[in-house]
PDB file of N, CA and C in Angstrom:
ATOM      1  N   UNK A   1      73.633  95.902  81.352  1.00  0.00           N
ATOM      2  CA  UNK A   1      73.365  95.012  82.549  1.00  0.00           C
ATOM      3  C   UNK A   1      73.054  95.771  83.773  1.00  0.00           C
ATOM      4  N   UNK A   2      71.756  95.573  84.418  1.00  0.00           N
ATOM      5  CA  UNK A   2      71.575  96.295  85.751  1.00  0.00           C
ATOM      6  C   UNK A   2      71.777  95.617  86.885  1.00  0.00           C
ATOM      7  N   UNK A   3      72.367  96.094  87.887  1.00  0.00           N
ATOM      8  CA  UNK A   3      72.519  95.300  89.178  1.00  0.00           C
ATOM      9  C   UNK A   3      71.939  95.958  90.222  1.00  0.00           C
ATOM     10  N   UNK A   4      71.831  95.048  91.172  1.00  0.00           N
ATOM     11  CA  UNK A   4      70.992  95.525  92.561  1.00  0.00           C
ATOM     12  C   UNK A   4      71.805  95.592  93.648  1.00  0.00           C
ATOM     13  N   UNK A   5      71.482  96.237  94.586  1.00  0.00           N
ATOM     14  CA  UNK A   5      72.064  96.182  95.968  1.00  0.00           C
ATOM     15  C   UNK A   5      72.385  94.832  96.468  1.00  0.00           C
ATOM     16  N   UNK A   6      71.478  93.804  96.157  1.00  0.00           N
ATOM     17  CA  UNK A   6      71.511  92.501  96.498  1.00  0.00           C
ATOM     18  C   UNK A   6      72.626  91.981  95.908  1.00  0.00           C
ATOM     19  N   UNK A   7      72.867  92.103  94.473  1.00  0.00           N
ATOM     20  CA  UNK A   7      73.798  91.516  93.638  1.00  0.00           C
ATOM     21  C   UNK A   7      75.152  91.900  94.113  1.00  0.00           C
ATOM     22  N   UNK A   8      75.241  93.234  94.554  1.00  0.00           N
ATOM     23  CA  UNK A   8      76.685  93.798  95.172  1.00  0.00           C
ATOM     24  C   UNK A   8      77.024  93.068  96.340  1.00  0.00           C
ATOM     25  N   UNK A   9      75.920  92.886  97.339  1.00  0.00           N
ATOM     26  CA  UNK A   9      76.332  92.197  98.515  1.00  0.00           C
ATOM     27  C   UNK A   9      76.825  90.695  98.237  1.00  0.00           C
ATOM     28  N   UNK A  10      75.971  89.965  97.206  1.00  0.00           N
ATOM     29  CA  UNK A  10      76.544  88.741  97.139  1.00  0.00           C
ATOM     30  C   UNK A  10      77.711  88.514  96.426  1.00  0.00           C
ATOM     31  N   UNK A  11      78.218  89.567  95.343  1.00  0.00           N
ATOM     32  CA  UNK A  11      79.618  89.637  94.918  1.00  0.00           C
ATOM     33  C   UNK A  11      80.500  89.639  95.891  1.00  0.00           C
ATOM     34  N   UNK A  12      80.253  90.727  96.771  1.00  0.00           N
ATOM     35  CA  UNK A  12      81.303  91.036  97.893  1.00  0.00           C
ATOM     36  C   UNK A  12      81.542  89.798  98.808  1.00  0.00           C
ATOM     37  N   UNK A  13      80.383  89.037  99.217  1.00  0.00           N
ATOM     38  CA  UNK A  13      80.300  87.786 100.041  1.00  0.00           C
ATOM     39  C   UNK A  13      81.209  86.734  99.332  1.00  0.00           C
ATOM     40  N   UNK A  14      80.632  86.517  98.156  1.00  0.00           N
ATOM     41  CA  UNK A  14      81.631  85.619  97.466  1.00  0.00           C
ATOM     42  C   UNK A  14      83.047  85.853  97.235  1.00  0.00           C
ATOM     43  N   UNK A  15      83.475  87.166  97.092  1.00  0.00           N
ATOM     44  CA  UNK A  15      84.888  87.448  96.918  1.00  0.00           C
ATOM     45  C   UNK A  15      85.637  87.730  98.527  1.00  0.00           C
ATOM     46  N   UNK A  16      84.585  87.435  99.580  1.00  0.00           N
ATOM     47  CA  UNK A  16      85.313  87.641 100.919  1.00  0.00           C
ATOM     48  C   UNK A  16      85.588  88.742 101.318  1.00  0.00           C
ATOM     49  N   UNK A  17      84.839  89.742 100.936  1.00  0.00           N
ATOM     50  CA  UNK A  17      85.285  91.526 101.022  1.00  0.00           C
ATOM     51  C   UNK A  17      83.867  91.834 101.910  1.00  0.00           C
ATOM     52  N   UNK A  18      84.438  92.440 102.955  1.00  0.00           N
ATOM     53  CA  UNK A  18      83.377  93.282 103.801  1.00  0.00           C
ATOM     54  C   UNK A  18      83.077  94.597 103.215  1.00  0.00           C
ATOM     55  N   UNK A  19      81.828  94.692 103.006  1.00  0.00           N
ATOM     56  CA  UNK A  19      81.557  96.064 102.422  1.00  0.00           C
ATOM     57  C   UNK A  19      80.232  96.600 103.343  1.00  0.00           C
ATOM     58  N   UNK A  20      80.408  97.813 103.652  1.00  0.00           N
ATOM     59  CA  UNK A  20      79.393  98.538 104.513  1.00  0.00           C
ATOM     60  C   UNK A  20      78.379  99.086 103.821  1.00  0.00           C
ATOM     61  N   UNK A  21      77.332  99.213 104.426  1.00  0.00           N
ATOM     62  CA  UNK A  21      76.046  99.479 103.854  1.00  0.00           C
ATOM     63  C   UNK A  21      76.137 101.019 103.194  1.00  0.00           C
ATOM     64  N   UNK A  22      77.117 101.803 103.803  1.00  0.00           N
ATOM     65  CA  UNK A  22      77.257 103.145 103.145  1.00  0.00           C
ATOM     66  C   UNK A  22      78.084 103.185 101.982  1.00  0.00           C
ATOM     67  N   UNK A  23      78.907 101.874 101.667  1.00  0.00           N
ATOM     68  CA  UNK A  23      79.815 101.848 100.497  1.00  0.00           C
ATOM     69  C   UNK A  23      78.913 101.039  99.287  1.00  0.00           C
ATOM     70  N   UNK A  24      77.731 100.445  99.691  1.00  0.00           N
ATOM     71  CA  UNK A  24      77.368  99.665  98.676  1.00  0.00           C
ATOM     72  C   UNK A  24      76.832 100.525  97.603  1.00  0.00           C
ATOM     73  N   UNK A  25      76.303 101.660  97.800  1.00  0.00           N
ATOM     74  CA  UNK A  25      75.520 102.490  96.633  1.00  0.00           C
ATOM     75  C   UNK A  25      76.819 102.850  95.568  1.00  0.00           C
ATOM     76  N   UNK A  26      77.869 103.234  96.099  1.00  0.00           N
ATOM     77  CA  UNK A  26      79.309 103.767  95.576  1.00  0.00           C
ATOM     78  C   UNK A  26      79.515 102.507  94.624  1.00  0.00           C
ATOM     79  N   UNK A  27      79.804 101.385  95.285  1.00  0.00           N
ATOM     80  CA  UNK A  27      80.286 100.354  94.671  1.00  0.00           C
ATOM     81  C   UNK A  27      79.313  99.783  93.443  1.00  0.00           C
ATOM     82  N   UNK A  28      77.989 100.147  93.837  1.00  0.00           N
ATOM     83  CA  UNK A  28      77.110  99.903  92.542  1.00  0.00           C
ATOM     84  C   UNK A  28      77.192 100.677  91.405  1.00  0.00           C
ATOM     85  N   UNK A  29      77.482 101.908  91.566  1.00  0.00           N
ATOM     86  CA  UNK A  29      77.625 103.040  90.595  1.00  0.00           C
ATOM     87  C   UNK A  29      78.941 102.589  89.667  1.00  0.00           C
ATOM     88  N   UNK A  30      79.827 102.318  90.635  1.00  0.00           N
ATOM     89  CA  UNK A  30      81.122 101.833  89.817  1.00  0.00           C
ATOM     90  C   UNK A  30      80.965 100.651  88.898  1.00  0.00           C
ATOM     91  N   UNK A  31      80.440  99.498  89.642  1.00  0.00           N
ATOM     92  CA  UNK A  31      80.251  98.475  88.768  1.00  0.00           C
ATOM     93  C   UNK A  31      79.531  98.546  87.726  1.00  0.00           C
ATOM     94  N   UNK A  32      78.256  99.260  87.947  1.00  0.00           N
ATOM     95  CA  UNK A  32      77.429  99.663  86.744  1.00  0.00           C
ATOM     96  C   UNK A  32      78.190 100.241  85.831  1.00  0.00           C
ATOM     97  N   UNK A  33      79.073 101.181  85.784  1.00  0.00           N
ATOM     98  CA  UNK A  33      79.790 101.928  84.979  1.00  0.00           C
ATOM     99  C   UNK A  33      80.861 101.091  84.423  1.00  0.00           C
ATOM    100  N   UNK A  34      81.416 100.181  84.943  1.00  0.00           N
ATOM    101  CA  UNK A  34      82.486  99.127  84.178  1.00  0.00           C
ATOM    102  C   UNK A  34      81.695  98.268  83.385  1.00  0.00           C
ATOM    103  N   UNK A  35      80.577  97.653  83.848  1.00  0.00           N
ATOM    104  CA  UNK A  35      79.667  96.847  82.945  1.00  0.00           C
ATOM    105  C   UNK A  35      79.054  97.583  81.651  1.00  0.00           C
ATOM    106  N   UNK A  36      78.719  99.013  81.939  1.00  0.00           N
ATOM    107  CA  UNK A  36      78.311  99.394  80.856  1.00  0.00           C
ATOM    108  C   UNK A  36      79.659  99.702  79.935  1.00  0.00           C
ATOM    109  N   UNK A  37      80.730 100.149  80.240  1.00  0.00           N
ATOM    110  CA  UNK A  37      81.888 100.087  79.355  1.00  0.00           C
ATOM    111  C   UNK A  37      82.176  98.719  78.516  1.00  0.00           C
ATOM    112  N   UNK A  38      81.946  97.697  79.289  1.00  0.00           N
ATOM    113  CA  UNK A  38      82.165  96.286  78.717  1.00  0.00           C
ATOM    114  C   UNK A  38      81.324  96.326  77.633  1.00  0.00           C
ATOM    115  N   UNK A  39      79.899  96.497  77.848  1.00  0.00           N
ATOM    116  CA  UNK A  39      78.962  96.434  76.850  1.00  0.00           C
ATOM    117  C   UNK A  39      79.136  97.125  75.400  1.00  0.00           C
ATOM    118  N   UNK A  40      79.811  98.318  75.826  1.00  0.00           N
ATOM    119  CA  UNK A  40      80.186  99.342  74.743  1.00  0.00           C
ATOM    120  C   UNK A  40      81.196  98.735  73.636  1.00  0.00           C
ATOM    121  N   UNK A  41      82.278  98.000  74.413  1.00  0.00           N
ATOM    122  CA  UNK A  41      83.398  97.575  73.940  1.00  0.00           C
ATOM    123  C   UNK A  41      83.004  96.279  73.010  1.00  0.00           C
ATOM    124  N   UNK A  42      82.019  95.398  73.504  1.00  0.00           N
ATOM    125  CA  UNK A  42      81.573  94.297  72.878  1.00  0.00           C
ATOM    126  C   UNK A  42      80.669  94.696  71.673  1.00  0.00           C
ATOM    127  N   UNK A  43      79.923  95.834  71.629  1.00  0.00           N
ATOM    128  CA  UNK A  43      79.219  96.216  70.593  1.00  0.00           C
ATOM    129  C   UNK A  43      80.105  96.918  69.329  1.00  0.00           C
ATOM    130  N   UNK A  44      81.372  97.014  69.451  1.00  0.00           N
ATOM    131  CA  UNK A  44      82.097  97.248  68.304  1.00  0.00           C
ATOM    132  C   UNK A  44      82.385  96.232  67.364  1.00  0.00           C
ATOM    133  N   UNK A  45      82.278  96.427  66.016  1.00  0.00           N
ATOM    134  CA  UNK A  45      82.509  95.125  65.112  1.00  0.00           C
ATOM    135  C   UNK A  45      83.967  95.073  64.839  1.00  0.00           C
ATOM    136  N   UNK A  46      84.426  94.030  65.122  1.00  0.00           N
ATOM    137  CA  UNK A  46      85.974  93.761  64.856  1.00  0.00           C
ATOM    138  C   UNK A  46      86.047  92.442  63.809  1.00  0.00           C
ATOM    139  N   UNK A  47      85.139  92.301  63.141  1.00  0.00           N
ATOM    140  CA  UNK A  47      85.499  91.209  61.911  1.00  0.00           C
ATOM    141  C   UNK A  47      86.431  91.912  61.102  1.00  0.00           C
ATOM    142  N   UNK A  48      87.380  90.962  60.849  1.00  0.00           N
ATOM    143  CA  UNK A  48      88.583  91.187  59.985  1.00  0.00           C
ATOM    144  C   UNK A  48      89.578  91.969  60.668  1.00  0.00           C
ATOM    145  N   UNK A  49      89.578  92.129  61.808  1.00  0.00           N
ATOM    146  CA  UNK A  49      90.867  92.698  62.486  1.00  0.00           C
ATOM    147  C   UNK A  49      91.638  91.401  63.247  1.00  0.00           C
ATOM    148  N   UNK A  50      92.788  91.358  62.722  1.00  0.00           N
ATOM    149  CA  UNK A  50      93.686  90.456  63.398  1.00  0.00           C
ATOM    150  C   UNK A  50      94.104  90.838  64.690  1.00  0.00           C
ATOM    151  N   UNK A  51      94.071  89.860  65.783  1.00  0.00           N
ATOM    152  CA  UNK A  51      94.350  90.032  67.043  1.00  0.00           C
ATOM    153  C   UNK A  51      95.869  90.204  67.120  1.00  0.00           C
ATOM    154  N   UNK A  52      96.208  91.207  68.276  1.00  0.00           N
ATOM    155  CA  UNK A  52      97.478  91.674  68.363  1.00  0.00           C
ATOM    156  C   UNK A  52      97.942  90.786  69.520  1.00  0.00           C
ATOM    157  N   UNK A  53      99.337  90.669  69.748  1.00  0.00           N
ATOM    158  CA  UNK A  53     100.099  90.080  71.030  1.00  0.00           C
ATOM    159  C   UNK A  53     100.381  91.258  71.697  1.00  0.00           C
ATOM    160  N   UNK A  54     100.794  92.397  71.086  1.00  0.00           N
ATOM    161  CA  UNK A  54     101.406  93.532  71.779  1.00  0.00           C
ATOM    162  C   UNK A  54     100.822  94.788  70.825  1.00  0.00           C
ATOM    163  N   UNK A  55     100.684  95.736  71.756  1.00  0.00           N
ATOM    164  CA  UNK A  55     100.408  97.148  70.899  1.00  0.00           C
ATOM    165  C   UNK A  55     101.321  97.603  70.110  1.00  0.00           C
ATOM    166  N   UNK A  56     102.514  97.462  70.161  1.00  0.00           N
ATOM    167  CA  UNK A  56     103.693  97.796  69.459  1.00  0.00           C
ATOM    168  C   UNK A  56     104.397  96.559  68.726  1.00  0.00           C
ATOM    169  N   UNK A  57     104.547  96.537  67.363  1.00  0.00           N
ATOM    170  CA  UNK A  57     105.400  95.558  66.777  1.00  0.00           C
ATOM    171  C   UNK A  57     106.897  95.920  66.804  1.00  0.00           C
ATOM    172  N   UNK A  58     107.345  95.505  67.955  1.00  0.00           N
ATOM    173  CA  UNK A  58     108.819  95.663  68.321  1.00  0.00           C
ATOM    174  C   UNK A  58     109.435  94.352  68.470  1.00  0.00           C
ATOM    175  N   UNK A  59     110.739  94.238  68.066  1.00  0.00           N
ATOM    176  CA  UNK A  59     111.417  93.078  68.587  1.00  0.00           C
ATOM    177  C   UNK A  59     112.375  93.359  69.527  1.00  0.00           C
ATOM    178  N   UNK A  60     112.533  92.503  70.491  1.00  0.00           N
ATOM    179  CA  UNK A  60     113.456  92.750  71.614  1.00  0.00           C
ATOM    180  C   UNK A  60     114.967  92.176  71.159  1.00  0.00           C
ATOM    181  N   UNK A  61     115.863  93.167  71.601  1.00  0.00           N
ATOM    182  CA  UNK A  61     117.465  92.743  71.277  1.00  0.00           C
ATOM    183  C   UNK A  61     117.957  91.796  72.084  1.00  0.00           C
ATOM    184  N   UNK A  62     118.342  90.713  71.805  1.00  0.00           N
ATOM    185  CA  UNK A  62     118.781  89.529  72.788  1.00  0.00           C
ATOM    186  C   UNK A  62     120.309  89.525  72.668  1.00  0.00           C
ATOM    187  N   UNK A  63     120.780  89.332  74.114  1.00  0.00           N
ATOM    188  CA  UNK A  63     122.327  89.172  73.939  1.00  0.00           C
ATOM    189  C   UNK A  63     122.572  87.745  73.373  1.00  0.00           C
ATOM    190  N   UNK A  64     123.971  87.354  73.198  1.00  0.00           N
ATOM    191  CA  UNK A  64     124.428  86.123  72.710  1.00  0.00           C
ATOM    192  C   UNK A  64     124.446  85.307  73.908  1.00  0.00           C
ATOM    193  N   UNK A  65     124.199  83.936  73.963  1.00  0.00           N
ATOM    194  CA  UNK A  65     124.119  83.208  74.989  1.00  0.00           C
ATOM    195  C   UNK A  65     125.566  82.480  75.295  1.00  0.00           C
ATOM    196  N   UNK A  66     126.491  83.343  75.806  1.00  0.00           N
ATOM    197  CA  UNK A  66     127.835  83.002  76.155  1.00  0.00           C
ATOM    198  C   UNK A  66     128.195  82.803  77.480  1.00  0.00           C
ATOM    199  N   UNK A  67     128.887  81.978  77.909  1.00  0.00           N
ATOM    200  CA  UNK A  67     129.263  81.608  79.294  1.00  0.00           C
ATOM    201  C   UNK A  67     130.231  82.553  79.754  1.00  0.00           C
ATOM    202  N   UNK A  68     129.858  83.336  80.691  1.00  0.00           N
ATOM    203  CA  UNK A  68     130.999  84.573  81.212  1.00  0.00           C
ATOM    204  C   UNK A  68     131.582  84.126  82.478  1.00  0.00           C
ATOM    205  N   UNK A  69     130.953  83.173  83.263  1.00  0.00           N
ATOM    206  CA  UNK A  69     131.671  82.813  84.535  1.00  0.00           C
ATOM    207  C   UNK A  69     132.278  81.323  84.366  1.00  0.00           C
ATOM    208  N   UNK A  70     133.165  81.040  85.074  1.00  0.00           N
ATOM    209  CA  UNK A  70     133.640  79.643  85.123  1.00  0.00           C
ATOM    210  C   UNK A  70     133.168  78.987  86.146  1.00  0.00           C
ATOM    211  N   UNK A  71     133.304  77.695  86.033  1.00  0.00           N
ATOM    212  CA  UNK A  71     132.924  76.605  87.091  1.00  0.00           C
ATOM    213  C   UNK A  71     133.657  76.559  88.191  1.00  0.00           C
ATOM    214  N   UNK A  72     133.156  77.158  89.552  1.00  0.00           N
ATOM    215  CA  UNK A  72     133.786  77.182  90.689  1.00  0.00           C
ATOM    216  C   UNK A  72     133.534  76.344  91.778  1.00  0.00           C
ATOM    217  N   UNK A  73     132.747  75.470  91.415  1.00  0.00           N
ATOM    218  CA  UNK A  73     132.166  74.382  92.187  1.00  0.00           C
ATOM    219  C   UNK A  73     133.285  73.913  93.340  1.00  0.00           C
ATOM    220  N   UNK A  74     134.325  73.286  92.679  1.00  0.00           N
ATOM    221  CA  UNK A  74     135.386  72.904  93.377  1.00  0.00           C
ATOM    222  C   UNK A  74     136.068  73.830  94.441  1.00  0.00           C
ATOM    223  N   UNK A  75     136.181  75.030  94.282  1.00  0.00           N
ATOM    224  CA  UNK A  75     136.481  76.038  94.964  1.00  0.00           C
ATOM    225  C   UNK A  75     135.533  76.142  96.100  1.00  0.00           C
ATOM    226  N   UNK A  76     134.161  76.420  95.767  1.00  0.00           N
ATOM    227  CA  UNK A  76     133.219  76.479  96.716  1.00  0.00           C
ATOM    228  C   UNK A  76     133.150  75.273  97.685  1.00  0.00           C
ATOM    229  N   UNK A  77     133.332  74.139  97.188  1.00  0.00           N
ATOM    230  CA  UNK A  77     133.127  72.937  97.946  1.00  0.00           C
ATOM    231  C   UNK A  77     134.351  72.725  98.997  1.00  0.00           C
ATOM    232  N   UNK A  78     135.504  73.730  98.839  1.00  0.00           N
ATOM    233  CA  UNK A  78     136.522  73.452  99.829  1.00  0.00           C
ATOM    234  C   UNK A  78     136.137  73.865 101.329  1.00  0.00           C
ATOM    235  N   UNK A  79     135.184  74.780 101.372  1.00  0.00           N
ATOM    236  CA  UNK A  79     134.396  75.242 102.525  1.00  0.00           C
ATOM    237  C   UNK A  79     133.262  74.343 103.235  1.00  0.00           C
ATOM    238  N   UNK A  80     133.163  73.055 102.397  1.00  0.00           N
ATOM    239  CA  UNK A  80     132.062  72.224 103.035  1.00  0.00           C
ATOM    240  C   UNK A  80     132.492  71.741 104.232  1.00  0.00           C
ATOM    241  N   UNK A  81     131.595  71.472 105.415  1.00  0.00           N
ATOM    242  CA  UNK A  81     131.824  71.018 106.889  1.00  0.00           C
ATOM    243  C   UNK A  81     132.547  69.464 106.435  1.00  0.00           C
ATOM    244  N   UNK A  82     132.847  69.116 107.650  1.00  0.00           N
ATOM    245  CA  UNK A  82     133.377  67.684 107.859  1.00  0.00           C
ATOM    246  C   UNK A  82     132.150  66.785 108.009  1.00  0.00           C
ATOM    247  N   UNK A  83     132.375  65.429 107.825  1.00  0.00           N
ATOM    248  CA  UNK A  83     131.362  64.391 107.919  1.00  0.00           C
ATOM    249  C   UNK A  83     130.797  64.320 109.307  1.00  0.00           C
ATOM    250  N   UNK A  84     131.717  64.646 110.433  1.00  0.00           N
ATOM    251  CA  UNK A  84     131.447  64.390 111.703  1.00  0.00           C
ATOM    252  C   UNK A  84     131.944  63.136 112.414  1.00  0.00           C
ATOM    253  N   UNK A  85     131.856  62.815 113.457  1.00  0.00           N
ATOM    254  CA  UNK A  85     132.283  61.710 114.289  1.00  0.00           C
ATOM    255  C   UNK A  85     133.806  61.814 114.126  1.00  0.00           C
ATOM    256  N   UNK A  86     134.396  62.659 114.246  1.00  0.00           N
ATOM    257  CA  UNK A  86     135.973  63.031 114.283  1.00  0.00           C
ATOM    258  C   UNK A  86     136.661  62.648 112.751  1.00  0.00           C
ATOM    259  N   UNK A  87     135.792  62.691 111.832  1.00  0.00           N
ATOM    260  CA  UNK A  87     136.240  62.598 110.303  1.00  0.00           C
ATOM    261  C   UNK A  87     136.860  63.633 109.928  1.00  0.00           C
ATOM    262  N   UNK A  88     137.792  63.430 108.889  1.00  0.00           N
ATOM    263  CA  UNK A  88     138.553  64.269 108.364  1.00  0.00           C
ATOM    264  C   UNK A  88     138.079  64.617 106.803  1.00  0.00           C
ATOM    265  N   UNK A  89     137.112  63.744 106.538  1.00  0.00           N
ATOM    266  CA  UNK A  89     136.431  63.939 105.226  1.00  0.00           C
ATOM    267  C   UNK A  89     135.436  64.930 105.287  1.00  0.00           C
ATOM    268  N   UNK A  90     135.328  65.842 103.864  1.00  0.00           N
ATOM    269  CA  UNK A  90     134.231  66.679 103.994  1.00  0.00           C
ATOM    270  C   UNK A  90     133.082  66.228 103.524  1.00  0.00           C
ATOM    271  N   UNK A  91     131.962  66.830 103.755  1.00  0.00           N
ATOM    272  CA  UNK A  91     130.613  66.285 103.450  1.00  0.00           C
ATOM    273  C   UNK A  91     130.033  66.591 101.958  1.00  0.00           C
ATOM    274  N   UNK A  92     131.010  65.926 101.214  1.00  0.00           N
ATOM    275  CA  UNK A  92     130.659  66.123  99.583  1.00  0.00           C
ATOM    276  C   UNK A  92     130.942  64.723  99.065  1.00  0.00           C
ATOM    277  N   UNK A  93     130.122  64.481  98.075  1.00  0.00           N
ATOM    278  CA  UNK A  93     130.131  63.088  97.112  1.00  0.00           C
ATOM    279  C   UNK A  93     129.780  63.473  95.924  1.00  0.00           C
ATOM    280  N   UNK A  94     130.619  63.201  94.870  1.00  0.00           N
ATOM    281  CA  UNK A  94     130.396  63.338  93.451  1.00  0.00           C
ATOM    282  C   UNK A  94     129.955  64.701  93.128  1.00  0.00           C
ATOM    283  N   UNK A  95     130.499  65.979  93.771  1.00  0.00           N
ATOM    284  CA  UNK A  95     130.209  67.083  93.520  1.00  0.00           C
ATOM    285  C   UNK A  95     129.002  67.594  94.156  1.00  0.00           C
ATOM    286  N   UNK A  96     128.420  66.967  95.176  1.00  0.00           N
ATOM    287  CA  UNK A  96     127.157  67.356  95.790  1.00  0.00           C
ATOM    288  C   UNK A  96     127.387  67.139  97.300  1.00  0.00           C
ATOM    289  N   UNK A  97     126.665  68.293  98.046  1.00  0.00           N
ATOM    290  CA  UNK A  97     126.749  68.433  99.472  1.00  0.00           C
ATOM    291  C   UNK A  97     125.987  67.137 100.150  1.00  0.00           C
ATOM    292  N   UNK A  98     126.667  66.618 101.151  1.00  0.00           N
ATOM    293  CA  UNK A  98     125.991  65.553 101.992  1.00  0.00           C
ATOM    294  C   UNK A  98     125.105  66.193 103.134  1.00  0.00           C
ATOM    295  N   UNK A  99     124.130  66.191 103.167  1.00  0.00           N
ATOM    296  CA  UNK A  99     123.175  66.451 104.368  1.00  0.00           C
ATOM    297  C   UNK A  99     122.509  65.413 105.132  1.00  0.00           C
ATOM    298  N   UNK A 100     122.248  65.712 106.561  1.00  0.00           N
ATOM    299  CA  UNK A 100     121.664  64.325 107.299  1.00  0.00           C
ATOM    300  C   UNK A 100     120.454  64.078 106.792  1.00  0.00           C
ATOM    301  N   UNK A 101     120.182  62.786 106.804  1.00  0.00           N
ATOM    302  CA  UNK A 101     118.999  62.310 106.608  1.00  0.00           C
ATOM    303  C   UNK A 101     117.753  62.623 107.527  1.00  0.00           C
ATOM    304  N   UNK A 102     116.621  63.126 107.157  1.00  0.00           N
ATOM    305  CA  UNK A 102     115.594  63.629 108.091  1.00  0.00           C
ATOM    306  C   UNK A 102     114.407  62.690 107.678  1.00  0.00           C
ATOM    307  N   UNK A 103     114.326  62.110 106.865  1.00  0.00           N
ATOM    308  CA  UNK A 103     113.020  61.342 106.466  1.00  0.00           C
ATOM    309  C   UNK A 103     113.415  59.918 106.499  1.00  0.00           C
ATOM    310  N   UNK A 104     112.784  58.941 107.354  1.00  0.00           N
ATOM    311  CA  UNK A 104     113.395  57.486 107.370  1.00  0.00           C
ATOM    312  C   UNK A 104     112.256  56.697 106.414  1.00  0.00           C
TER     313      UNK A 104
END
């Protein structure tokens, strides 16, 4: 596929990339090389080849799904702030922290 300098400038504009006039020729050479490589890869006959999800057929060792930490919610909620207005109750209800309402 042949590219022109106008094509490079258009792609740079669409990608919101500023490209100077001195860099256009180098970019043209690089993109032409990449597109040539893609054309070579597309020319390879791949009929009868099963696609792979990974280059190596390895299985991953997984650990057992075992609970290792205990539930410490009650311990953490002992530090909850008070409700306010000289209240002695902490700002928690049903195991959840109470926060001020910000949306009416």
